[in-house]
Amino acid sequence: MTKSLKPLEQVLEYPAGKRPDEGNGSKQGAHADQAAKEPACIPCSIEKTLDVIGGKWAFLVLRELFGGTKRFGELQRSIHNISPTALTNTLRHMEEKGVLERRVYPTVPVTVEYTLTPKGEDLHPIIKGMKLWAAKWA
């Protein structure tokens, strides 16, 4: 389902003769260095964001954690129809991506709490925007 990205030269439009590799046939100074450092394609920021956030359950996990630190059981009760496996996988993915922090307390049974990191907190305006959009259009 991932779309292939267009090469940089198809994304950027240069005026005739102004492209870094066109003109008098020689690359000079900063243009030569810049052309050598430019990526072949520009990755889509939306795809990168979705990769960090994860699957469909991640948005609901974020919604719950915006309210503060929660335990696994609290998250499972507040997110209807999520299986323990799906919740575990979502939490692990988000922890690996640095969106949330997992704290384990040596109690019997073990107590595990989840809190958003600053990276996760930065997603709040995006989720709030989605909520406002849904209120208007869905």
N, C-alpha and C. Protein backbone atom coordinates (compact mmCIF):
# COMPACT_ATOMS: atom_id res chain seq x y z
N MET A 1 0.81 -1.19 0.00
CA MET A 1 0.00 0.00 0.00
C MET A 1 0.86 1.26 0.00
N THR A 2 2.13 1.13 0.27
CA THR A 2 3.01 2.29 0.29
C THR A 2 3.26 2.75 -1.14
N LYS A 3 3.04 4.02 -1.38
CA LYS A 3 3.29 4.59 -2.70
C LYS A 3 4.78 4.81 -2.88
N SER A 4 5.23 4.62 -4.11
CA SER A 4 6.63 4.94 -4.36
C SER A 4 6.75 6.45 -4.48
N LEU A 5 7.84 6.98 -3.99
CA LEU A 5 8.04 8.42 -3.98
C LEU A 5 8.66 8.86 -5.29
N LYS A 6 8.32 10.06 -5.71
CA LYS A 6 8.86 10.60 -6.94
C LYS A 6 10.29 11.08 -6.73
N PRO A 7 11.13 10.94 -7.75
CA PRO A 7 12.48 11.50 -7.64
C PRO A 7 12.40 13.00 -7.44
N LEU A 8 13.42 13.56 -6.80
CA LEU A 8 13.45 14.97 -6.46
C LEU A 8 13.22 15.86 -7.68
N GLU A 9 13.81 15.49 -8.80
CA GLU A 9 13.68 16.36 -9.97
C GLU A 9 12.26 16.42 -10.51
N GLN A 10 11.41 15.41 -10.18
CA GLN A 10 10.01 15.47 -10.58
C GLN A 10 9.20 16.30 -9.60
N VAL A 11 9.66 16.42 -8.37
CA VAL A 11 8.95 17.19 -7.36
C VAL A 11 9.27 18.67 -7.48
N LEU A 12 10.54 18.99 -7.69
CA LEU A 12 10.96 20.38 -7.80
C LEU A 12 10.93 20.82 -9.25
N GLU A 13 10.50 22.03 -9.47
CA GLU A 13 10.50 22.58 -10.81
C GLU A 13 11.52 23.71 -10.87
N TYR A 14 12.46 23.60 -11.79
CA TYR A 14 13.48 24.62 -11.97
C TYR A 14 13.21 25.36 -13.28
N PRO A 15 13.47 26.67 -13.32
CA PRO A 15 13.38 27.38 -14.60
C PRO A 15 14.43 26.83 -15.56
N ALA A 16 14.15 26.91 -16.85
CA ALA A 16 15.07 26.38 -17.86
C ALA A 16 16.47 26.97 -17.67
N GLY A 17 17.47 26.12 -17.66
CA GLY A 17 18.85 26.55 -17.52
C GLY A 17 19.27 26.88 -16.09
N LYS A 18 18.35 26.80 -15.15
CA LYS A 18 18.66 27.16 -13.76
C LYS A 18 18.81 25.94 -12.85
N ARG A 19 18.57 24.77 -13.40
CA ARG A 19 18.72 23.55 -12.62
C ARG A 19 20.18 23.36 -12.26
N PRO A 20 20.50 22.90 -11.05
CA PRO A 20 21.90 22.78 -10.63
C PRO A 20 22.78 21.97 -11.58
N ASP A 21 22.19 20.98 -12.27
CA ASP A 21 23.01 20.16 -13.17
C ASP A 21 22.88 20.56 -14.63
N GLU A 22 22.24 21.70 -14.92
CA GLU A 22 22.12 22.20 -16.29
C GLU A 22 22.92 23.48 -16.44
N GLY A 23 22.97 23.97 -17.63
CA GLY A 23 23.62 25.26 -17.85
C GLY A 23 24.87 25.11 -18.68
N ASN A 24 26.01 25.58 -18.13
CA ASN A 24 27.23 25.62 -18.91
C ASN A 24 28.00 24.30 -18.90
N GLY A 25 27.39 23.24 -18.35
CA GLY A 25 28.05 21.94 -18.42
C GLY A 25 28.99 21.66 -17.26
N SER A 26 29.26 22.63 -16.42
CA SER A 26 30.14 22.38 -15.27
C SER A 26 29.42 22.78 -14.00
N LYS A 27 29.61 21.98 -12.98
CA LYS A 27 29.03 22.32 -11.68
C LYS A 27 30.06 23.13 -10.93
N GLN A 28 29.60 24.23 -10.37
CA GLN A 28 30.54 25.10 -9.70
C GLN A 28 30.13 25.33 -8.25
N GLY A 29 31.09 25.48 -7.39
CA GLY A 29 30.93 25.93 -6.01
C GLY A 29 29.81 25.26 -5.25
N ALA A 30 28.95 26.09 -4.65
CA ALA A 30 27.89 25.61 -3.77
C ALA A 30 26.89 24.74 -4.51
N HIS A 31 26.62 25.05 -5.80
CA HIS A 31 25.66 24.24 -6.55
C HIS A 31 26.13 22.81 -6.67
N ALA A 32 27.39 22.59 -6.88
CA ALA A 32 27.93 21.24 -7.01
C ALA A 32 27.80 20.50 -5.69
N ASP A 33 28.14 21.18 -4.58
CA ASP A 33 28.02 20.55 -3.28
C ASP A 33 26.56 20.26 -2.94
N GLN A 34 25.68 21.21 -3.23
CA GLN A 34 24.27 21.06 -2.92
C GLN A 34 23.67 19.93 -3.74
N ALA A 35 23.99 19.85 -5.01
CA ALA A 35 23.46 18.80 -5.88
C ALA A 35 23.91 17.43 -5.41
N ALA A 36 25.12 17.34 -4.91
CA ALA A 36 25.64 16.06 -4.44
C ALA A 36 24.96 15.63 -3.14
N LYS A 37 24.48 16.58 -2.33
CA LYS A 37 23.88 16.27 -1.04
C LYS A 37 22.37 16.09 -1.10
N GLU A 38 21.72 16.52 -2.18
CA GLU A 38 20.26 16.44 -2.27
C GLU A 38 19.83 14.98 -2.36
N PRO A 39 18.78 14.61 -1.64
CA PRO A 39 18.29 13.23 -1.71
C PRO A 39 17.63 12.96 -3.05
N ALA A 40 17.58 11.70 -3.42
CA ALA A 40 16.94 11.32 -4.67
C ALA A 40 15.43 11.52 -4.58
N CYS A 41 14.88 11.45 -3.37
CA CYS A 41 13.46 11.69 -3.18
C CYS A 41 13.24 12.30 -1.80
N ILE A 42 12.13 12.96 -1.65
CA ILE A 42 11.78 13.58 -0.37
C ILE A 42 10.71 12.73 0.27
N PRO A 43 10.99 12.13 1.44
CA PRO A 43 9.98 11.30 2.08
C PRO A 43 8.79 12.13 2.56
N CYS A 44 7.62 11.53 2.53
CA CYS A 44 6.40 12.21 2.93
C CYS A 44 6.32 12.30 4.45
N SER A 45 6.14 13.49 4.97
CA SER A 45 6.06 13.71 6.41
C SER A 45 4.85 13.02 7.03
N ILE A 46 3.77 12.91 6.29
CA ILE A 46 2.58 12.25 6.81
C ILE A 46 2.86 10.77 7.01
N GLU A 47 3.53 10.14 6.06
CA GLU A 47 3.88 8.73 6.20
C GLU A 47 4.81 8.53 7.39
N LYS A 48 5.76 9.43 7.59
CA LYS A 48 6.67 9.33 8.73
C LYS A 48 5.91 9.46 10.04
N THR A 49 4.96 10.37 10.09
CA THR A 49 4.16 10.57 11.30
C THR A 49 3.32 9.33 11.61
N LEU A 50 2.69 8.77 10.58
CA LEU A 50 1.88 7.58 10.78
C LEU A 50 2.74 6.39 11.22
N ASP A 51 3.97 6.33 10.73
CA ASP A 51 4.87 5.25 11.16
C ASP A 51 5.21 5.40 12.64
N VAL A 52 5.39 6.62 13.10
CA VAL A 52 5.70 6.86 14.51
C VAL A 52 4.48 6.55 15.38
N ILE A 53 3.32 7.02 14.96
CA ILE A 53 2.11 6.82 15.76
C ILE A 53 1.74 5.34 15.78
N GLY A 54 1.72 4.70 14.63
CA GLY A 54 1.39 3.28 14.59
C GLY A 54 0.01 3.03 14.03
N GLY A 55 -0.63 1.96 14.49
CA GLY A 55 -1.91 1.51 13.97
C GLY A 55 -3.11 2.27 14.46
N LYS A 56 -4.28 1.69 14.20
CA LYS A 56 -5.54 2.37 14.49
C LYS A 56 -5.78 2.61 15.97
N TRP A 57 -5.27 1.75 16.84
CA TRP A 57 -5.50 1.90 18.27
C TRP A 57 -4.66 3.01 18.89
N ALA A 58 -3.58 3.39 18.24
CA ALA A 58 -2.66 4.38 18.81
C ALA A 58 -3.35 5.72 19.07
N PHE A 59 -4.26 6.12 18.21
CA PHE A 59 -4.95 7.39 18.38
C PHE A 59 -5.78 7.38 19.67
N LEU A 60 -6.39 6.24 19.95
CA LEU A 60 -7.20 6.13 21.17
C LEU A 60 -6.32 6.05 22.41
N VAL A 61 -5.18 5.40 22.31
CA VAL A 61 -4.23 5.37 23.42
C VAL A 61 -3.75 6.79 23.70
N LEU A 62 -3.41 7.52 22.65
CA LEU A 62 -2.99 8.92 22.82
C LEU A 62 -4.08 9.74 23.51
N ARG A 63 -5.30 9.57 23.05
CA ARG A 63 -6.43 10.30 23.64
C ARG A 63 -6.49 10.07 25.16
N GLU A 64 -6.31 8.83 25.57
CA GLU A 64 -6.38 8.52 26.99
C GLU A 64 -5.18 9.07 27.75
N LEU A 65 -4.00 9.00 27.17
CA LEU A 65 -2.79 9.45 27.86
C LEU A 65 -2.66 10.97 27.90
N PHE A 66 -3.40 11.69 27.06
CA PHE A 66 -3.39 13.15 27.15
C PHE A 66 -3.97 13.58 28.49
N GLY A 67 -4.78 12.72 29.10
CA GLY A 67 -5.36 13.02 30.40
C GLY A 67 -4.42 12.72 31.56
N GLY A 68 -3.28 12.14 31.28
CA GLY A 68 -2.31 11.83 32.33
C GLY A 68 -1.88 10.37 32.32
N THR A 69 -1.04 10.03 33.26
CA THR A 69 -0.49 8.68 33.38
C THR A 69 -1.60 7.66 33.63
N LYS A 70 -1.50 6.51 32.95
CA LYS A 70 -2.49 5.45 33.10
C LYS A 70 -1.79 4.10 33.21
N ARG A 71 -2.46 3.17 33.88
CA ARG A 71 -2.01 1.79 33.96
C ARG A 71 -2.62 1.01 32.81
N PHE A 72 -2.06 -0.18 32.56
CA PHE A 72 -2.53 -1.02 31.46
C PHE A 72 -4.03 -1.29 31.58
N GLY A 73 -4.47 -1.71 32.75
CA GLY A 73 -5.89 -2.03 32.95
C GLY A 73 -6.81 -0.83 32.72
N GLU A 74 -6.36 0.34 33.13
CA GLU A 74 -7.15 1.56 32.91
C GLU A 74 -7.31 1.84 31.43
N LEU A 75 -6.21 1.67 30.70
CA LEU A 75 -6.26 1.88 29.24
C LEU A 75 -7.21 0.87 28.59
N GLN A 76 -7.10 -0.38 29.00
CA GLN A 76 -7.93 -1.41 28.39
C GLN A 76 -9.41 -1.16 28.67
N ARG A 77 -9.75 -0.74 29.87
CA ARG A 77 -11.15 -0.45 30.20
C ARG A 77 -11.68 0.77 29.45
N SER A 78 -10.84 1.76 29.24
CA SER A 78 -11.32 3.00 28.60
C SER A 78 -11.36 2.92 27.08
N ILE A 79 -10.65 1.96 26.50
CA ILE A 79 -10.67 1.79 25.03
C ILE A 79 -11.48 0.53 24.73
N HIS A 80 -12.73 0.72 24.38
CA HIS A 80 -13.64 -0.40 24.17
C HIS A 80 -13.20 -1.23 22.96
N ASN A 81 -13.39 -2.54 23.08
CA ASN A 81 -13.13 -3.52 22.01
C ASN A 81 -11.65 -3.75 21.69
N ILE A 82 -10.73 -3.22 22.47
CA ILE A 82 -9.32 -3.49 22.21
C ILE A 82 -8.92 -4.74 22.99
N SER A 83 -8.23 -5.64 22.30
CA SER A 83 -7.78 -6.86 22.97
C SER A 83 -6.49 -6.56 23.74
N PRO A 84 -6.18 -7.37 24.74
CA PRO A 84 -4.93 -7.17 25.47
C PRO A 84 -3.71 -7.25 24.54
N THR A 85 -3.75 -8.13 23.56
CA THR A 85 -2.63 -8.26 22.61
C THR A 85 -2.47 -7.00 21.77
N ALA A 86 -3.59 -6.48 21.27
CA ALA A 86 -3.52 -5.26 20.45
C ALA A 86 -3.02 -4.08 21.28
N LEU A 87 -3.48 -3.97 22.52
CA LEU A 87 -3.03 -2.88 23.38
C LEU A 87 -1.55 -3.02 23.69
N THR A 88 -1.10 -4.24 24.01
CA THR A 88 0.31 -4.48 24.29
C THR A 88 1.17 -4.11 23.09
N ASN A 89 0.78 -4.55 21.90
CA ASN A 89 1.55 -4.26 20.69
C ASN A 89 1.59 -2.76 20.40
N THR A 90 0.48 -2.09 20.60
CA THR A 90 0.42 -0.64 20.37
C THR A 90 1.33 0.10 21.35
N LEU A 91 1.25 -0.28 22.62
CA LEU A 91 2.09 0.37 23.63
C LEU A 91 3.57 0.13 23.37
N ARG A 92 3.94 -1.08 22.99
CA ARG A 92 5.34 -1.39 22.69
C ARG A 92 5.85 -0.56 21.51
N HIS A 93 5.03 -0.49 20.46
CA HIS A 93 5.42 0.28 19.28
C HIS A 93 5.62 1.76 19.65
N MET A 94 4.70 2.31 20.40
CA MET A 94 4.78 3.72 20.76
C MET A 94 5.96 3.99 21.70
N GLU A 95 6.29 3.02 22.54
CA GLU A 95 7.46 3.16 23.40
C GLU A 95 8.75 3.13 22.57
N GLU A 96 8.82 2.20 21.61
CA GLU A 96 9.99 2.11 20.73
C GLU A 96 10.21 3.39 19.95
N LYS A 97 9.13 4.05 19.56
CA LYS A 97 9.21 5.28 18.77
C LYS A 97 9.39 6.51 19.64
N GLY A 98 9.41 6.34 20.96
CA GLY A 98 9.66 7.47 21.85
C GLY A 98 8.45 8.35 22.13
N VAL A 99 7.26 7.83 21.86
CA VAL A 99 6.04 8.61 22.06
C VAL A 99 5.56 8.51 23.51
N LEU A 100 5.81 7.37 24.14
CA LEU A 100 5.42 7.21 25.53
C LEU A 100 6.53 6.53 26.32
N GLU A 101 6.41 6.64 27.63
CA GLU A 101 7.39 6.06 28.54
C GLU A 101 6.67 5.04 29.41
N ARG A 102 7.32 3.90 29.59
CA ARG A 102 6.77 2.82 30.41
C ARG A 102 7.56 2.74 31.71
N ARG A 103 6.84 2.80 32.83
CA ARG A 103 7.49 2.68 34.15
C ARG A 103 6.97 1.43 34.84
N VAL A 104 7.91 0.61 35.31
CA VAL A 104 7.55 -0.63 36.00
C VAL A 104 7.91 -0.48 37.47
N TYR A 105 6.95 -0.81 38.35
CA TYR A 105 7.16 -0.74 39.78
C TYR A 105 7.19 -2.17 40.34
N PRO A 106 8.19 -2.47 41.17
CA PRO A 106 8.33 -3.84 41.69
C PRO A 106 7.33 -4.16 42.80
N THR A 107 6.10 -4.36 42.41
CA THR A 107 5.06 -4.72 43.35
C THR A 107 4.54 -6.11 42.97
N VAL A 108 3.67 -6.68 43.79
CA VAL A 108 3.05 -7.95 43.45
C VAL A 108 1.54 -7.73 43.41
N PRO A 109 0.90 -7.87 42.25
CA PRO A 109 1.52 -8.04 40.93
C PRO A 109 2.23 -6.76 40.48
N VAL A 110 3.03 -6.89 39.44
CA VAL A 110 3.83 -5.78 38.94
C VAL A 110 2.91 -4.65 38.48
N THR A 111 3.25 -3.44 38.83
CA THR A 111 2.50 -2.25 38.40
C THR A 111 3.26 -1.60 37.25
N VAL A 112 2.55 -1.37 36.14
CA VAL A 112 3.15 -0.73 34.97
C VAL A 112 2.32 0.50 34.63
N GLU A 113 2.98 1.64 34.49
CA GLU A 113 2.31 2.89 34.14
C GLU A 113 2.87 3.43 32.83
N TYR A 114 2.00 4.09 32.09
CA TYR A 114 2.39 4.67 30.80
C TYR A 114 2.13 6.17 30.84
N THR A 115 3.13 6.93 30.38
CA THR A 115 3.05 8.39 30.34
C THR A 115 3.58 8.87 29.00
N LEU A 116 2.98 9.93 28.47
CA LEU A 116 3.48 10.50 27.22
C LEU A 116 4.80 11.23 27.46
N THR A 117 5.69 11.13 26.48
CA THR A 117 6.93 11.89 26.48
C THR A 117 6.63 13.25 25.85
N PRO A 118 7.57 14.19 25.88
CA PRO A 118 7.34 15.46 25.17
C PRO A 118 7.02 15.24 23.68
N LYS A 119 7.63 14.23 23.08
CA LYS A 119 7.34 13.89 21.68
C LYS A 119 5.87 13.49 21.53
N GLY A 120 5.36 12.73 22.49
CA GLY A 120 3.96 12.33 22.46
C GLY A 120 3.02 13.49 22.73
N GLU A 121 3.40 14.36 23.66
CA GLU A 121 2.58 15.54 23.97
C GLU A 121 2.45 16.45 22.76
N ASP A 122 3.48 16.49 21.92
CA ASP A 122 3.43 17.33 20.72
C ASP A 122 2.36 16.87 19.73
N LEU A 123 1.86 15.66 19.88
CA LEU A 123 0.80 15.16 19.00
C LEU A 123 -0.59 15.67 19.41
N HIS A 124 -0.69 16.30 20.58
CA HIS A 124 -1.99 16.74 21.09
C HIS A 124 -2.75 17.66 20.12
N PRO A 125 -2.10 18.68 19.54
CA PRO A 125 -2.85 19.54 18.60
C PRO A 125 -3.35 18.78 17.37
N ILE A 126 -2.61 17.78 16.94
CA ILE A 126 -3.02 16.99 15.77
C ILE A 126 -4.28 16.20 16.10
N ILE A 127 -4.27 15.53 17.24
CA ILE A 127 -5.42 14.73 17.65
C ILE A 127 -6.62 15.63 17.93
N LYS A 128 -6.37 16.78 18.54
CA LYS A 128 -7.46 17.73 18.80
C LYS A 128 -8.06 18.22 17.48
N GLY A 129 -7.22 18.47 16.50
CA GLY A 129 -7.70 18.87 15.17
C GLY A 129 -8.55 17.79 14.52
N MET A 130 -8.14 16.54 14.69
CA MET A 130 -8.93 15.42 14.16
C MET A 130 -10.30 15.35 14.84
N LYS A 131 -10.30 15.59 16.16
CA LYS A 131 -11.55 15.56 16.91
C LYS A 131 -12.50 16.67 16.43
N LEU A 132 -11.96 17.86 16.20
CA LEU A 132 -12.78 18.97 15.71
C LEU A 132 -13.29 18.70 14.30
N TRP A 133 -12.45 18.11 13.46
CA TRP A 133 -12.86 17.77 12.10
C TRP A 133 -14.01 16.76 12.14
N ALA A 134 -13.87 15.73 13.00
CA ALA A 134 -14.92 14.71 13.10
C ALA A 134 -16.23 15.30 13.60
N ALA A 135 -16.14 16.25 14.55
CA ALA A 135 -17.34 16.88 15.07
C ALA A 135 -18.07 17.65 13.96
N LYS A 136 -17.31 18.20 13.05
CA LYS A 136 -17.90 19.00 11.98
C LYS A 136 -18.39 18.13 10.82
N TRP A 137 -17.63 17.11 10.44
CA TRP A 137 -17.90 16.40 9.20
C TRP A 137 -18.35 14.94 9.33
N ALA A 138 -18.07 14.31 10.45
CA ALA A 138 -18.39 12.87 10.54
C ALA A 138 -19.72 12.62 11.22
